[in-house]
Protein backbone atom coordinates (compact mmCIF):
# COMPACT_ATOMS: atom_id res chain seq x y z
CA GLN A 1 -5.39 15.88 -0.15
CA VAL A 2 -2.00 14.71 1.40
CA HIS A 3 -0.52 11.21 0.25
CA LEU A 4 2.02 10.83 3.40
CA VAL A 5 4.40 7.78 2.59
CA GLU A 6 7.30 6.57 6.29
CA SER A 7 9.93 4.68 5.40
CA GLY A 8 13.24 3.23 7.65
CA GLY A 9 11.63 0.50 9.87
CA GLY A 10 13.19 -2.41 10.03
CA LEU A 11 15.09 -5.34 12.86
CA VAL A 12 17.63 -3.55 15.29
CA GLN A 13 18.88 -4.46 18.86
CA ALA A 14 18.11 -2.56 21.52
CA GLY A 15 20.15 -0.44 22.04
CA GLY A 16 21.22 0.74 18.76
CA SER A 17 19.41 3.65 16.28
CA LEU A 18 16.89 4.13 13.69
CA ARG A 19 16.32 7.28 11.25
CA LEU A 20 12.60 6.87 9.63
CA SER A 21 11.35 9.31 7.13
CA CYS A 22 7.93 10.55 5.93
CA ALA A 23 7.81 11.98 2.34
CA ALA A 24 4.55 14.01 1.49
CA SER A 25 2.87 14.23 -2.03
CA GLU A 26 1.54 17.78 -0.65
CA GLY A 27 2.73 21.26 -1.81
CA THR A 28 2.24 22.74 1.26
CA PHE A 29 3.64 20.06 3.80
CA SER A 30 5.48 22.93 5.48
CA THR A 31 2.20 24.00 6.49
CA TYR A 32 1.17 21.39 8.85
CA THR A 33 2.49 20.47 11.93
CA MET A 34 3.79 16.71 11.77
CA GLY A 35 3.33 13.73 14.48
CA TRP A 36 4.44 10.97 14.88
CA PHE A 37 2.56 8.37 16.33
CA ARG A 38 2.77 4.19 17.07
CA GLN A 39 1.16 1.66 17.39
CA ALA A 40 1.36 -2.16 19.46
CA PRO A 41 0.20 -5.50 18.86
CA GLY A 42 -2.99 -5.11 21.50
CA LYS A 43 -1.99 -1.62 23.20
CA GLU A 44 -4.21 1.54 21.62
CA ARG A 45 -1.10 3.77 19.47
CA GLU A 46 0.09 6.94 20.97
CA PHE A 47 1.28 9.75 21.02
CA VAL A 48 4.93 10.05 20.27
CA ALA A 49 6.18 13.46 18.56
CA ALA A 50 4.92 16.31 16.61
CA ILE A 51 6.63 19.22 14.93
CA ARG A 52 5.55 21.88 13.98
CA TRP A 53 5.39 23.61 10.26
CA SER A 54 8.59 26.82 11.42
CA GLY A 55 10.14 23.02 12.86
CA GLY A 56 10.79 26.18 16.19
CA ASP A 57 8.01 24.12 18.22
CA THR A 58 8.69 20.07 19.33
CA TYR A 59 6.69 18.33 20.63
CA TYR A 60 7.65 14.19 22.80
CA THR A 61 5.80 11.69 24.85
CA ASP A 62 7.88 10.86 28.41
CA SER A 63 9.03 7.40 27.08
CA VAL A 64 10.68 9.39 24.08
CA LYS A 65 12.37 12.06 24.70
CA GLY A 66 16.41 12.39 24.88
CA ARG A 67 16.58 9.68 22.53
CA PHE A 68 14.26 10.74 19.73
CA THR A 69 14.02 13.81 18.06
CA VAL A 70 11.69 14.53 14.81
CA SER A 71 12.58 17.09 12.06
CA ARG A 72 11.68 18.22 8.79
CA ASP A 73 13.04 19.41 5.75
CA ASN A 74 10.44 21.84 4.13
CA ALA A 75 12.15 21.08 0.75
CA LYS A 76 12.14 17.76 0.88
CA ASN A 77 8.84 18.11 2.07
CA THR A 78 10.25 15.08 4.44
CA VAL A 79 9.65 14.75 7.67
CA TYR A 80 12.36 13.04 10.08
CA LEU A 81 11.83 10.64 14.08
CA GLN A 82 14.93 10.51 14.78
CA MET A 83 15.39 7.31 17.26
CA ASN A 84 18.53 6.39 19.64
CA SER A 85 18.54 4.23 22.37
CA LEU A 86 15.91 1.99 21.17
CA LYS A 87 14.26 -0.09 23.37
CA PRO A 88 12.53 -3.56 23.54
CA GLU A 89 8.79 -1.76 24.53
CA ASP A 90 9.28 0.93 21.41
CA THR A 91 8.25 -1.38 19.33
CA ALA A 92 5.34 -0.63 17.44
CA ALA A 93 4.09 0.39 14.11
CA TYR A 94 4.85 3.93 13.41
CA TYR A 95 2.82 6.60 11.61
CA CYS A 96 3.11 9.76 10.69
CA ALA A 97 0.29 12.33 10.35
CA ALA A 98 -0.12 16.03 9.65
CA ALA A 99 -2.10 18.38 11.83
CA PRO A 100 -3.44 22.14 10.08
CA PRO A 101 -1.01 24.24 11.75
CA TYR A 102 -2.50 26.60 14.44
CA TYR A 103 -3.26 23.77 17.20
CA SER A 104 -2.03 25.14 21.07
CA GLY A 105 0.45 22.29 21.22
CA SER A 106 -0.78 20.18 23.33
CA ARG A 107 -4.32 19.98 20.99
CA TYR A 108 -1.08 17.56 18.63
CA TYR A 109 -0.78 15.21 21.10
CA THR A 110 -4.70 13.55 20.59
CA GLY A 111 -4.77 11.21 17.03
CA THR A 112 -8.07 13.60 16.53
CA ALA A 113 -6.21 16.63 15.57
CA TYR A 114 -4.35 14.50 12.33
CA ASN A 115 -6.28 14.79 9.30
CA TYR A 116 -3.98 12.91 6.99
CA TRP A 117 -1.71 9.06 8.11
CA GLY A 118 0.82 6.87 6.06
CA GLN A 119 0.61 3.54 5.96
CA GLY A 120 3.01 2.96 8.60
CA THR A 121 6.27 1.80 9.11
CA GLN A 122 7.29 -1.09 11.74
CA VAL A 123 9.84 -1.08 14.12
CA THR A 124 11.07 -3.90 15.99
CA VAL A 125 13.95 -3.75 18.63
CA SER A 126 15.31 -7.36 20.16
CA SER A 127 16.59 -7.53 23.18
C-alpha cells in the first residue's frame, strides 16, 4: 500500500507559478512511475504529466508542454510538478498517482494504469 499526500496548491494569478509536491509513504516509491492528473468542476479527470522511476523518461499532455515540469527525488520519496505561466484553464484539483514501472509510455496517460492516488490539492488561477 502506498499513501500519497499532495501539497502546494493555492490561488495564483494568471502568469504565475506554483510547485506541487507529492510525498509517498512507501519505501519502494523509487520503483513506481508517478503521474499527475487534474480534474476541473464538471469535467473528466485528465492526465497532466508522468515520470518513470529513474527520472529519465517524462510524459506531458500537450496543453502543459513547455510550462510544466515533473521531477522526483527518490531519496525523499517525493515527486514534484513545477507549474509556470499558469492559465485560468489550469484551474483544477490536482492528484498524484503511482503506477507499476513496467508499462509502455503510452499506458501512463490513462488513469487506469495507476494503483494508488492521493487526495488532491486545489489549484486556482485567476485571470
